[in-house]
């Protein structure tokens, strides 16, 4: 299910899941595990996983699966930044927002942008890739355990 490769400066892993809402839990667990290993604090992990959930939900609902009915996710990390990417075979259409009476949809990119440090959307003939990046906090790491 996952494959990981390490280099001296970066790590990466991939996950491919069926384009089904029932797979959202798998995507969230994947993001949570990698974010924890990367060292994001609890609040930052929550934000990262929430943004990942939104991106994968959008890929499933609005994108297009590959010929095997899969969407593709990857996470890469370097010393400072954790980046999640989800790729589907669909064509991204920028949602239209008219005034304050916007439809219930079309807010996903703004939501993701409020939760992570950077959101990039790459559109090409092979589909759409949404990349979400979270920068490691420069402050002290959260304590792993409290002595009692």
C-alpha atoms as a PDB file:
ATOM      1  CA  UNK A   1       0.000   0.000   0.000  1.00  0.00           C
ATOM      2  CA  UNK A   2       2.762   2.481   0.894  1.00  0.00           C
ATOM      3  CA  UNK A   3       6.219   2.691  -0.490  1.00  0.00           C
ATOM      4  CA  UNK A   4       8.858   4.917   1.027  1.00  0.00           C
ATOM      5  CA  UNK A   5      12.218   6.062  -0.177  1.00  0.00           C
ATOM      6  CA  UNK A   6      14.803   7.994   1.816  1.00  0.00           C
ATOM      7  CA  UNK A   7      17.589  10.254   0.688  1.00  0.00           C
ATOM      8  CA  UNK A   8      20.097  12.219   2.709  1.00  0.00           C
ATOM      9  CA  UNK A   9      17.916  15.351   2.678  1.00  0.00           C
ATOM     10  CA  UNK A  10      14.341  14.254   2.083  1.00  0.00           C
ATOM     11  CA  UNK A  11      11.872  11.433   2.594  1.00  0.00           C
ATOM     12  CA  UNK A  12       8.855  10.530   0.523  1.00  0.00           C
ATOM     13  CA  UNK A  13       6.040   8.003   0.494  1.00  0.00           C
ATOM     14  CA  UNK A  14       3.082   7.251  -1.733  1.00  0.00           C
ATOM     15  CA  UNK A  15      -0.429   5.939  -1.208  1.00  0.00           C
ATOM     16  CA  UNK A  16      -2.926   4.899  -3.860  1.00  0.00           C
ATOM     17  CA  UNK A  17      -6.556   4.388  -2.867  1.00  0.00           C
ATOM     18  CA  UNK A  18      -9.832   3.714  -4.603  1.00  0.00           C
ATOM     19  CA  UNK A  19     -11.671   6.929  -5.418  1.00  0.00           C
ATOM     20  CA  UNK A  20     -14.332   6.272  -2.767  1.00  0.00           C
ATOM     21  CA  UNK A  21     -15.405   8.288   0.272  1.00  0.00           C
ATOM     22  CA  UNK A  22     -14.909   5.147   2.324  1.00  0.00           C
ATOM     23  CA  UNK A  23     -11.150   5.591   1.747  1.00  0.00           C
ATOM     24  CA  UNK A  24     -10.990   9.004   3.450  1.00  0.00           C
ATOM     25  CA  UNK A  25     -10.073   7.400   6.777  1.00  0.00           C
ATOM     26  CA  UNK A  26      -7.088   5.711   5.145  1.00  0.00           C
ATOM     27  CA  UNK A  27      -5.923   9.065   3.737  1.00  0.00           C
ATOM     28  CA  UNK A  28      -6.353  10.795   7.115  1.00  0.00           C
ATOM     29  CA  UNK A  29      -4.417   8.047   8.941  1.00  0.00           C
ATOM     30  CA  UNK A  30      -1.645   8.263   6.350  1.00  0.00           C
ATOM     31  CA  UNK A  31      -1.372  12.038   6.826  1.00  0.00           C
ATOM     32  CA  UNK A  32      -1.584  11.786  10.630  1.00  0.00           C
ATOM     33  CA  UNK A  33       1.155   9.139  10.843  1.00  0.00           C
ATOM     34  CA  UNK A  34       3.547  11.038   8.593  1.00  0.00           C
ATOM     35  CA  UNK A  35       2.841  14.395  10.287  1.00  0.00           C
ATOM     36  CA  UNK A  36       3.527  12.863  13.707  1.00  0.00           C
ATOM     37  CA  UNK A  37       6.769  11.273  12.480  1.00  0.00           C
ATOM     38  CA  UNK A  38       7.756  14.634  10.968  1.00  0.00           C
ATOM     39  CA  UNK A  39       7.314  16.236  14.389  1.00  0.00           C
ATOM     40  CA  UNK A  40       4.347  18.531  13.884  1.00  0.00           C
ATOM     41  CA  UNK A  41       2.733  19.492  17.173  1.00  0.00           C
ATOM     42  CA  UNK A  42      -0.829  18.374  17.896  1.00  0.00           C
ATOM     43  CA  UNK A  43      -2.506  21.534  16.569  1.00  0.00           C
ATOM     44  CA  UNK A  44      -0.396  21.592  13.406  1.00  0.00           C
ATOM     45  CA  UNK A  45      -1.081  17.878  12.804  1.00  0.00           C
ATOM     46  CA  UNK A  46      -4.820  18.499  13.165  1.00  0.00           C
ATOM     47  CA  UNK A  47      -4.672  21.361  10.660  1.00  0.00           C
ATOM     48  CA  UNK A  48      -2.575  19.332   8.216  1.00  0.00           C
ATOM     49  CA  UNK A  49      -4.863  16.293   8.412  1.00  0.00           C
ATOM     50  CA  UNK A  50      -7.989  18.467   8.055  1.00  0.00           C
ATOM     51  CA  UNK A  51      -6.548  20.099   4.908  1.00  0.00           C
ATOM     52  CA  UNK A  52      -5.565  16.667   3.532  1.00  0.00           C
ATOM     53  CA  UNK A  53      -9.097  15.404   4.154  1.00  0.00           C
ATOM     54  CA  UNK A  54     -10.516  18.358   2.204  1.00  0.00           C
ATOM     55  CA  UNK A  55      -8.110  17.854  -0.715  1.00  0.00           C
ATOM     56  CA  UNK A  56      -8.817  14.114  -0.947  1.00  0.00           C
ATOM     57  CA  UNK A  57     -12.564  14.686  -0.607  1.00  0.00           C
ATOM     58  CA  UNK A  58     -12.397  17.133  -3.510  1.00  0.00           C
ATOM     59  CA  UNK A  59     -10.380  14.682  -5.626  1.00  0.00           C
ATOM     60  CA  UNK A  60     -12.964  11.969  -4.989  1.00  0.00           C
ATOM     61  CA  UNK A  61     -16.061  14.176  -5.459  1.00  0.00           C
ATOM     62  CA  UNK A  62     -14.945  16.462  -8.271  1.00  0.00           C
ATOM     63  CA  UNK A  63     -11.933  14.781  -9.866  1.00  0.00           C
ATOM     64  CA  UNK A  64     -11.606  11.679 -11.975  1.00  0.00           C
ATOM     65  CA  UNK A  65      -9.976   8.413 -11.006  1.00  0.00           C
ATOM     66  CA  UNK A  66      -7.364   6.733 -13.163  1.00  0.00           C
ATOM     67  CA  UNK A  67      -8.095   3.677 -15.293  1.00  0.00           C
ATOM     68  CA  UNK A  68      -7.886   1.502 -12.153  1.00  0.00           C
ATOM     69  CA  UNK A  69     -10.374   3.749 -10.266  1.00  0.00           C
ATOM     70  CA  UNK A  70      -7.605   5.112  -8.028  1.00  0.00           C
ATOM     71  CA  UNK A  71      -6.420   8.495  -6.854  1.00  0.00           C
ATOM     72  CA  UNK A  72      -2.793   9.009  -5.948  1.00  0.00           C
ATOM     73  CA  UNK A  73      -1.327  10.674  -2.894  1.00  0.00           C
ATOM     74  CA  UNK A  74       2.212  11.346  -1.825  1.00  0.00           C
ATOM     75  CA  UNK A  75       3.916  12.994   1.090  1.00  0.00           C
ATOM     76  CA  UNK A  76       7.432  14.352   1.014  1.00  0.00           C
ATOM     77  CA  UNK A  77       9.442  16.004   3.737  1.00  0.00           C
ATOM     78  CA  UNK A  78      12.671  17.873   4.004  1.00  0.00           C
ATOM     79  CA  UNK A  79      14.269  19.530   7.016  1.00  0.00           C
ATOM     80  CA  UNK A  80      11.674  22.319   7.193  1.00  0.00           C
ATOM     81  CA  UNK A  81       8.569  21.412   5.192  1.00  0.00           C
ATOM     82  CA  UNK A  82       6.033  18.589   4.970  1.00  0.00           C
ATOM     83  CA  UNK A  83       4.185  18.465   1.640  1.00  0.00           C
ATOM     84  CA  UNK A  84       1.132  16.394   0.741  1.00  0.00           C
ATOM     85  CA  UNK A  85       0.017  15.986  -2.880  1.00  0.00           C
ATOM     86  CA  UNK A  86      -3.158  14.408  -4.240  1.00  0.00           C
ATOM     87  CA  UNK A  87      -3.466  13.729  -7.950  1.00  0.00           C
ATOM     88  CA  UNK A  88      -6.569  12.815  -9.905  1.00  0.00           C
ATOM     89  CA  UNK A  89      -7.266  12.651 -13.631  1.00  0.00           C
ATOM     90  CA  UNK A  90      -9.914  15.379 -13.570  1.00  0.00           C
ATOM     91  CA  UNK A  91      -9.803  18.894 -14.914  1.00  0.00           C
ATOM     92  CA  UNK A  92      -9.859  21.576 -12.224  1.00  0.00           C
ATOM     93  CA  UNK A  93     -12.426  24.322 -12.639  1.00  0.00           C
ATOM     94  CA  UNK A  94     -12.040  27.390 -10.437  1.00  0.00           C
ATOM     95  CA  UNK A  95     -15.290  27.810  -8.473  1.00  0.00           C
ATOM     96  CA  UNK A  96     -17.248  30.971  -9.085  1.00  0.00           C
ATOM     97  CA  UNK A  97     -18.083  32.942  -5.974  1.00  0.00           C
ATOM     98  CA  UNK A  98     -20.672  35.651  -6.432  1.00  0.00           C
ATOM     99  CA  UNK A  99     -20.900  38.176  -3.621  1.00  0.00           C
ATOM    100  CA  UNK A 100     -21.796  36.855  -0.195  1.00  0.00           C
ATOM    101  CA  UNK A 101     -24.437  34.399  -1.424  1.00  0.00           C
ATOM    102  CA  UNK A 102     -21.936  31.763  -2.492  1.00  0.00           C
ATOM    103  CA  UNK A 103     -23.093  28.200  -2.922  1.00  0.00           C
ATOM    104  CA  UNK A 104     -22.247  25.689  -0.176  1.00  0.00           C
ATOM    105  CA  UNK A 105     -19.360  24.414  -2.318  1.00  0.00           C
ATOM    106  CA  UNK A 106     -16.346  26.219  -3.673  1.00  0.00           C
ATOM    107  CA  UNK A 107     -14.689  27.038  -0.362  1.00  0.00           C
ATOM    108  CA  UNK A 108     -12.257  24.137  -0.205  1.00  0.00           C
ATOM    109  CA  UNK A 109      -9.161  25.958  -1.438  1.00  0.00           C
ATOM    110  CA  UNK A 110      -9.719  28.830   0.989  1.00  0.00           C
ATOM    111  CA  UNK A 111     -10.226  26.346   3.827  1.00  0.00           C
ATOM    112  CA  UNK A 112      -7.047  24.461   2.924  1.00  0.00           C
ATOM    113  CA  UNK A 113      -5.107  27.742   2.652  1.00  0.00           C
ATOM    114  CA  UNK A 114      -6.230  28.706   6.156  1.00  0.00           C
ATOM    115  CA  UNK A 115      -4.900  25.420   7.567  1.00  0.00           C
ATOM    116  CA  UNK A 116      -1.505  25.041   5.880  1.00  0.00           C
ATOM    117  CA  UNK A 117       1.324  27.361   4.919  1.00  0.00           C
ATOM    118  CA  UNK A 118       1.045  26.892   1.166  1.00  0.00           C
ATOM    119  CA  UNK A 119      -1.488  25.507  -1.338  1.00  0.00           C
ATOM    120  CA  UNK A 120      -0.504  24.917  -4.967  1.00  0.00           C
ATOM    121  CA  UNK A 121      -2.802  23.648  -7.714  1.00  0.00           C
ATOM    122  CA  UNK A 122      -1.113  22.155 -10.770  1.00  0.00           C
ATOM    123  CA  UNK A 123      -3.291  21.576 -13.815  1.00  0.00           C
ATOM    124  CA  UNK A 124      -1.996  19.691 -16.816  1.00  0.00           C
ATOM    125  CA  UNK A 125      -3.426  17.408 -19.519  1.00  0.00           C
ATOM    126  CA  UNK A 126      -2.945  14.413 -17.194  1.00  0.00           C
ATOM    127  CA  UNK A 127      -5.131  15.824 -14.437  1.00  0.00           C
ATOM    128  CA  UNK A 128      -4.993  17.994 -11.364  1.00  0.00           C
ATOM    129  CA  UNK A 129      -2.570  17.882  -8.451  1.00  0.00           C
ATOM    130  CA  UNK A 130      -3.179  19.791  -5.238  1.00  0.00           C
ATOM    131  CA  UNK A 131      -0.136  20.260  -3.006  1.00  0.00           C
ATOM    132  CA  UNK A 132      -0.392  21.293   0.641  1.00  0.00           C
ATOM    133  CA  UNK A 133       2.707  22.307   2.605  1.00  0.00           C
ATOM    134  CA  UNK A 134       3.156  22.805   6.315  1.00  0.00           C
ATOM    135  CA  UNK A 135       6.371  24.301   7.681  1.00  0.00           C
ATOM    136  CA  UNK A 136       7.880  22.838  10.831  1.00  0.00           C
ATOM    137  CA  UNK A 137       7.502  25.249  13.740  1.00  0.00           C
ATOM    138  CA  UNK A 138      10.736  26.992  14.657  1.00  0.00           C
ATOM    139  CA  UNK A 139       9.731  26.904  18.317  1.00  0.00           C
ATOM    140  CA  UNK A 140      10.365  24.167  20.817  1.00  0.00           C
ATOM    141  CA  UNK A 141       8.933  20.761  20.036  1.00  0.00           C
ATOM    142  CA  UNK A 142       5.927  19.654  22.041  1.00  0.00           C
ATOM    143  CA  UNK A 143       6.919  17.280  24.842  1.00  0.00           C
ATOM    144  CA  UNK A 144       6.428  13.639  23.916  1.00  0.00           C
ATOM    145  CA  UNK A 145       5.631  12.499  27.450  1.00  0.00           C
ATOM    146  CA  UNK A 146       5.258  14.072  30.863  1.00  0.00           C
ATOM    147  CA  UNK A 147       7.144  12.592  33.804  1.00  0.00           C
ATOM    148  CA  UNK A 148       4.801  11.770  36.624  1.00  0.00           C
END
